[in-house]
Structures are given as C-alpha cells and as structure tokens.
Amino acid sequence: MICYKVLSQKPRLFKTLIGLTCNEFDRLLQKLAPKWVEQERERLSRPDRQRAIDGGRKYKLGLEDLLLMTLCWLRLYLKWKLWVSFSEWTNLQPVGILVAC
C-alpha cells in the first residue's frame, strides 16, 4: 500500500501521483487538520449515535494517508474517466495497458 512516509521520500513520484509537491501537500494537510478534528467531533457527538464517543471502529489510516489516498484517487480516476469519455467520443475502443513498475 502507498503511504505518506514512503511516498514523501520520492518527491518526483509523489508529484506524479498526487499533483502536489510534498510541501504543498503538507500545507494542505495543516489547513485540513483542524477542520477534520471539528468534523469528527460533530460526527461522533450527534444525538442519534448508538455508541459512546470512543466506541465503534477506528480508522486504520491517519489523516495524512487518508488525504493522500483521496488525492491520488481523484487524480487518477478523473484522468481515466476523461480518457474513456474521449475514446467514446471519437469512437475508439478503449485499450487496457499494463505497465510494469
């Protein structure tokens, strides 16, 4: 699995997969973290919640890895969707390409 600690050691790959440099990602993470904490507090303290605040399943990934996976998915998924749309628009048959890393 791709994780922030490993990927941040490879800046060119990081930029390719995410579209941001490590510094830009860190700044985004710093801006997002307080909002994330506030949103989690609201989510966990809603009145119809069945479990106590510490009850329930915990996240397996930290915020930095969640953000990394989200940005990676958005970047790659949108490119794929655009390529498929273009292929359909031009009447080309999509061709799967396997690239060995």
C-alpha atoms as a PDB file:
ATOM      1  CA  MET A   1       0.000   0.000   0.000  1.00  0.00           C
ATOM      2  CA  ILE A   2       1.161   3.511  -0.714  1.00  0.00           C
ATOM      3  CA  CYS A   3       1.674   5.515   2.450  1.00  0.00           C
ATOM      4  CA  TYR A   4       2.788   9.067   3.093  1.00  0.00           C
ATOM      5  CA  LYS A   5       6.037   8.155   4.877  1.00  0.00           C
ATOM      6  CA  VAL A   6       7.274   6.094   1.928  1.00  0.00           C
ATOM      7  CA  LEU A   7       5.940   8.279  -0.876  1.00  0.00           C
ATOM      8  CA  SER A   8       7.247  11.522   0.632  1.00  0.00           C
ATOM      9  CA  GLN A   9      10.774  10.087   0.296  1.00  0.00           C
ATOM     10  CA  LYS A  10      10.286  10.040  -3.504  1.00  0.00           C
ATOM     11  CA  PRO A  11       9.336  13.613  -4.484  1.00  0.00           C
ATOM     12  CA  ARG A  12       9.037  13.020  -8.248  1.00  0.00           C
ATOM     13  CA  LEU A  13       6.725  10.025  -7.789  1.00  0.00           C
ATOM     14  CA  PHE A  14       4.763  11.961  -5.161  1.00  0.00           C
ATOM     15  CA  LYS A  15       4.217  14.850  -7.581  1.00  0.00           C
ATOM     16  CA  THR A  16       3.252  12.441 -10.386  1.00  0.00           C
ATOM     17  CA  LEU A  17       0.651  10.550  -8.340  1.00  0.00           C
ATOM     18  CA  ILE A  18      -0.805  13.422  -6.345  1.00  0.00           C
ATOM     19  CA  GLY A  19      -0.180  16.516  -8.451  1.00  0.00           C
ATOM     20  CA  LEU A  20       1.267  18.392  -5.485  1.00  0.00           C
ATOM     21  CA  THR A  21       4.766  18.708  -4.095  1.00  0.00           C
ATOM     22  CA  CYS A  22       5.421  17.404  -0.587  1.00  0.00           C
ATOM     23  CA  ASN A  23       5.489  20.983   0.751  1.00  0.00           C
ATOM     24  CA  GLU A  24       2.158  21.819  -0.895  1.00  0.00           C
ATOM     25  CA  PHE A  25       0.662  18.613   0.499  1.00  0.00           C
ATOM     26  CA  ASP A  26       1.939  19.450   3.999  1.00  0.00           C
ATOM     27  CA  ARG A  27       0.395  22.936   3.811  1.00  0.00           C
ATOM     28  CA  LEU A  28      -2.916  21.456   2.671  1.00  0.00           C
ATOM     29  CA  LEU A  29      -2.771  18.921   5.495  1.00  0.00           C
ATOM     30  CA  GLN A  30      -2.137  21.691   8.050  1.00  0.00           C
ATOM     31  CA  LYS A  31      -5.174  23.602   6.796  1.00  0.00           C
ATOM     32  CA  LEU A  32      -7.350  20.498   6.715  1.00  0.00           C
ATOM     33  CA  ALA A  33      -6.414  19.018  10.120  1.00  0.00           C
ATOM     34  CA  PRO A  34      -8.374  21.439  12.359  1.00  0.00           C
ATOM     35  CA  LYS A  35     -11.450  21.148  10.147  1.00  0.00           C
ATOM     36  CA  TRP A  36     -11.130  17.352  10.210  1.00  0.00           C
ATOM     37  CA  VAL A  37     -10.975  17.314  14.024  1.00  0.00           C
ATOM     38  CA  GLU A  38     -14.041  19.563  14.251  1.00  0.00           C
ATOM     39  CA  GLN A  39     -15.988  17.436  11.761  1.00  0.00           C
ATOM     40  CA  GLU A  40     -15.073  14.220  13.590  1.00  0.00           C
ATOM     41  CA  ARG A  41     -16.193  15.737  16.903  1.00  0.00           C
ATOM     42  CA  GLU A  42     -19.537  16.664  15.318  1.00  0.00           C
ATOM     43  CA  ARG A  43     -19.907  13.239  13.739  1.00  0.00           C
ATOM     44  CA  LEU A  44     -19.146  11.392  16.969  1.00  0.00           C
ATOM     45  CA  SER A  45     -21.384  13.553  19.150  1.00  0.00           C
ATOM     46  CA  ARG A  46     -24.522  13.516  17.031  1.00  0.00           C
ATOM     47  CA  PRO A  47     -27.676  12.761  19.052  1.00  0.00           C
ATOM     48  CA  ASP A  48     -28.746   9.621  17.188  1.00  0.00           C
ATOM     49  CA  ARG A  49     -25.372   7.891  17.633  1.00  0.00           C
ATOM     50  CA  GLN A  50     -25.712   4.451  19.293  1.00  0.00           C
ATOM     51  CA  ARG A  51     -22.190   4.171  20.713  1.00  0.00           C
ATOM     52  CA  ALA A  52     -20.143   6.292  23.063  1.00  0.00           C
ATOM     53  CA  ILE A  53     -17.612   8.691  21.534  1.00  0.00           C
ATOM     54  CA  ASP A  54     -14.737   6.192  21.790  1.00  0.00           C
ATOM     55  CA  GLY A  55     -16.929   3.287  20.643  1.00  0.00           C
ATOM     56  CA  GLY A  56     -17.073   1.855  17.157  1.00  0.00           C
ATOM     57  CA  ARG A  57     -14.455   1.046  14.583  1.00  0.00           C
ATOM     58  CA  LYS A  58     -11.332   3.195  14.422  1.00  0.00           C
ATOM     59  CA  TYR A  59      -9.750   4.418  11.213  1.00  0.00           C
ATOM     60  CA  LYS A  60      -6.844   2.252  10.063  1.00  0.00           C
ATOM     61  CA  LEU A  61      -5.140   5.174   8.313  1.00  0.00           C
ATOM     62  CA  GLY A  62      -4.133   8.529   9.705  1.00  0.00           C
ATOM     63  CA  LEU A  63      -5.340  11.795   8.220  1.00  0.00           C
ATOM     64  CA  GLU A  64      -2.227  12.224   6.081  1.00  0.00           C
ATOM     65  CA  ASP A  65      -2.712   8.803   4.459  1.00  0.00           C
ATOM     66  CA  LEU A  66      -6.451   9.379   4.002  1.00  0.00           C
ATOM     67  CA  LEU A  67      -5.744  12.671   2.244  1.00  0.00           C
ATOM     68  CA  LEU A  68      -3.005  11.071   0.158  1.00  0.00           C
ATOM     69  CA  MET A  69      -5.292   8.239  -0.988  1.00  0.00           C
ATOM     70  CA  THR A  70      -8.125  10.673  -1.754  1.00  0.00           C
ATOM     71  CA  LEU A  71      -5.938  12.967  -3.854  1.00  0.00           C
ATOM     72  CA  CYS A  72      -4.365  10.018  -5.659  1.00  0.00           C
ATOM     73  CA  TRP A  73      -7.767   8.522  -6.430  1.00  0.00           C
ATOM     74  CA  LEU A  74      -9.166  11.833  -7.660  1.00  0.00           C
ATOM     75  CA  ARG A  75      -6.183  12.477  -9.891  1.00  0.00           C
ATOM     76  CA  LEU A  76      -6.030   9.017 -11.450  1.00  0.00           C
ATOM     77  CA  TYR A  77      -9.768   8.344 -11.630  1.00  0.00           C
ATOM     78  CA  LEU A  78     -10.529  11.639 -13.346  1.00  0.00           C
ATOM     79  CA  LYS A  79      -7.816  11.040 -15.927  1.00  0.00           C
ATOM     80  CA  TRP A  80      -9.229   7.579 -16.623  1.00  0.00           C
ATOM     81  CA  LYS A  81     -12.793   8.906 -16.929  1.00  0.00           C
ATOM     82  CA  LEU A  82     -11.669  11.659 -19.290  1.00  0.00           C
ATOM     83  CA  TRP A  83      -9.748   9.147 -21.411  1.00  0.00           C
ATOM     84  CA  VAL A  84     -12.743   6.800 -21.612  1.00  0.00           C
ATOM     85  CA  SER A  85     -15.056   9.708 -22.470  1.00  0.00           C
ATOM     86  CA  PHE A  86     -12.666  10.839 -25.187  1.00  0.00           C
ATOM     87  CA  SER A  87     -12.441   7.280 -26.527  1.00  0.00           C
ATOM     88  CA  GLU A  88     -16.226   7.021 -26.702  1.00  0.00           C
ATOM     89  CA  TRP A  89     -16.494  10.444 -28.286  1.00  0.00           C
ATOM     90  CA  THR A  90     -14.014   9.553 -31.033  1.00  0.00           C
ATOM     91  CA  ASN A  91     -15.384   6.015 -31.479  1.00  0.00           C
ATOM     92  CA  LEU A  92     -12.105   4.419 -30.400  1.00  0.00           C
ATOM     93  CA  GLN A  93     -12.111   1.172 -28.495  1.00  0.00           C
ATOM     94  CA  PRO A  94     -10.517   1.577 -25.035  1.00  0.00           C
ATOM     95  CA  VAL A  95      -7.365  -0.467 -24.799  1.00  0.00           C
ATOM     96  CA  GLY A  96      -6.030  -1.671 -21.451  1.00  0.00           C
ATOM     97  CA  ILE A  97      -2.351  -1.026 -20.958  1.00  0.00           C
ATOM     98  CA  LEU A  98      -0.333  -2.878 -18.361  1.00  0.00           C
ATOM     99  CA  VAL A  99       2.750  -1.035 -17.237  1.00  0.00           C
ATOM    100  CA  ALA A 100       5.214  -2.978 -15.109  1.00  0.00           C
ATOM    101  CA  CYS A 101       6.704  -0.880 -12.347  1.00  0.00           C
END
